[in-house]
Amino acid sequence: MKNNIPNYKRIYTDLINEKYPDRKEACKNILSKKTLSILDVIACSSILTDKEDKNTFIFNQKHRFYDKQTILEILNYQKKYGYNNAQLARHFKLSRNTVANWKKKLI
């Protein structure tokens, strides 16, 4: 069975070329990778969004999906930098309850 993961590299490359050519250099390091993880997508999204797009970005946050590997990477990030749940939630624009639920289920 084929894994149905979107080709984020192609999506973001096209998006940058069409809508944000001025931000191409800022995303160059991220897009130079062979495949993009969800954390790379989050980083690229934060580079592309600005104040006028903030409401659209917040709306899109509600429709995110995180796979187990990404959740574990986020929780490892928390451990590495000593963040509490609230700090981690703010950093990745998540709910504190989401972080707490992940920790209950996976740790």
Protein backbone atom coordinates (compact mmCIF):
# COMPACT_ATOMS: atom_id res chain seq x y z
CA MET A 1 0.00 0.00 0.00
CA LYS A 2 1.38 3.38 -1.00
CA ASN A 3 1.79 5.99 1.72
CA ASN A 4 -0.44 8.99 0.93
CA ILE A 5 1.83 11.77 2.10
CA PRO A 6 1.56 15.01 0.10
CA ASN A 7 4.64 16.15 -1.79
CA TYR A 8 5.27 19.19 0.40
CA LYS A 9 8.46 20.09 -1.41
CA ARG A 10 6.61 20.50 -4.70
CA ILE A 11 3.68 22.30 -3.07
CA TYR A 12 5.87 24.86 -1.30
CA THR A 13 8.19 25.33 -4.26
CA ASP A 14 5.21 26.15 -6.49
CA LEU A 15 3.65 28.37 -3.83
CA ILE A 16 6.86 30.35 -3.35
CA ASN A 17 7.43 30.71 -7.09
CA GLU A 18 3.89 31.96 -7.71
CA LYS A 19 2.98 34.00 -4.62
CA TYR A 20 6.14 34.72 -2.63
CA PRO A 21 9.17 34.99 -4.96
CA ASP A 22 10.70 37.55 -2.57
CA ARG A 23 10.86 34.91 0.20
CA LYS A 24 12.54 32.22 -1.91
CA GLU A 25 15.95 32.82 -0.34
CA ALA A 26 14.55 32.48 3.20
CA CYS A 27 13.12 29.02 2.43
CA LYS A 28 16.07 27.86 0.33
CA ASN A 29 17.64 25.69 3.07
CA ILE A 30 14.36 23.98 3.88
CA LEU A 31 13.46 23.30 0.26
CA SER A 32 16.92 21.94 -0.55
CA LYS A 33 16.14 18.76 1.43
CA LYS A 34 15.12 15.63 -0.44
CA THR A 35 11.84 15.30 1.48
CA LEU A 36 10.20 17.67 3.94
CA SER A 37 9.01 16.65 7.38
CA ILE A 38 6.02 18.25 9.04
CA LEU A 39 8.40 20.39 11.11
CA ASP A 40 9.97 21.68 7.89
CA VAL A 41 6.50 22.50 6.60
CA ILE A 42 5.72 24.41 9.81
CA ALA A 43 8.97 26.36 9.51
CA CYS A 44 8.33 27.19 5.87
CA SER A 45 4.73 28.23 6.63
CA SER A 46 5.88 30.57 9.37
CA ILE A 47 8.36 32.19 6.97
CA LEU A 48 5.69 32.68 4.32
CA THR A 49 2.93 34.01 6.56
CA ASP A 50 2.96 37.61 7.60
CA LYS A 51 0.57 39.80 9.57
CA GLU A 52 -1.99 40.15 6.79
CA ASP A 53 -2.17 36.37 6.31
CA LYS A 54 -2.34 35.65 10.05
CA ASN A 55 -6.11 34.98 10.18
CA THR A 56 -5.87 32.52 7.30
CA PHE A 57 -2.91 30.82 8.97
CA ILE A 58 -4.79 30.45 12.27
CA PHE A 59 -7.78 28.97 10.41
CA ASN A 60 -5.49 26.47 8.65
CA GLN A 61 -4.01 25.42 12.01
CA LYS A 62 -7.32 23.76 12.89
CA HIS A 63 -6.92 21.35 9.99
CA ARG A 64 -3.40 20.10 10.66
CA PHE A 65 -2.57 16.46 11.01
CA TYR A 66 0.50 15.20 12.83
CA ASP A 67 1.81 11.68 12.38
CA LYS A 68 3.42 9.77 15.23
CA GLN A 69 6.97 10.55 14.09
CA THR A 70 6.27 14.29 14.02
CA ILE A 71 4.64 14.23 17.44
CA LEU A 72 7.70 12.47 18.85
CA GLU A 73 9.98 15.06 17.20
CA ILE A 74 7.95 17.87 18.77
CA LEU A 75 8.08 16.22 22.20
CA ASN A 76 11.85 15.68 21.81
CA TYR A 77 12.16 19.38 20.93
CA GLN A 78 10.39 20.14 24.21
CA LYS A 79 12.82 17.97 26.14
CA LYS A 80 15.87 19.39 24.32
CA TYR A 81 15.01 23.02 25.05
CA GLY A 82 13.36 22.48 28.44
CA TYR A 83 10.01 23.90 27.41
CA ASN A 84 6.89 23.34 29.44
CA ASN A 85 3.64 22.45 27.64
CA ALA A 86 2.52 26.07 27.32
CA GLN A 87 5.85 27.21 25.84
CA LEU A 88 5.89 24.32 23.39
CA ALA A 89 2.30 25.00 22.39
CA ARG A 90 3.09 28.67 21.70
CA HIS A 91 6.21 27.79 19.73
CA PHE A 92 4.40 25.37 17.41
CA LYS A 93 1.05 27.20 17.55
CA LEU A 94 -0.76 24.29 19.19
CA SER A 95 -3.14 23.92 22.08
CA ARG A 96 -1.71 23.13 25.51
CA ASN A 97 -4.32 20.40 25.73
CA THR A 98 -3.06 18.85 22.51
CA VAL A 99 0.46 18.67 23.90
CA ALA A 100 -0.79 17.17 27.16
CA ASN A 101 -2.85 14.57 25.29
CA TRP A 102 0.14 13.58 23.16
CA LYS A 103 2.27 13.14 26.26
CA LYS A 104 -0.40 10.96 27.93
CA LYS A 105 -0.78 8.73 24.89
CA LEU A 106 2.82 8.43 23.75
CA ILE A 107 5.01 8.76 26.83
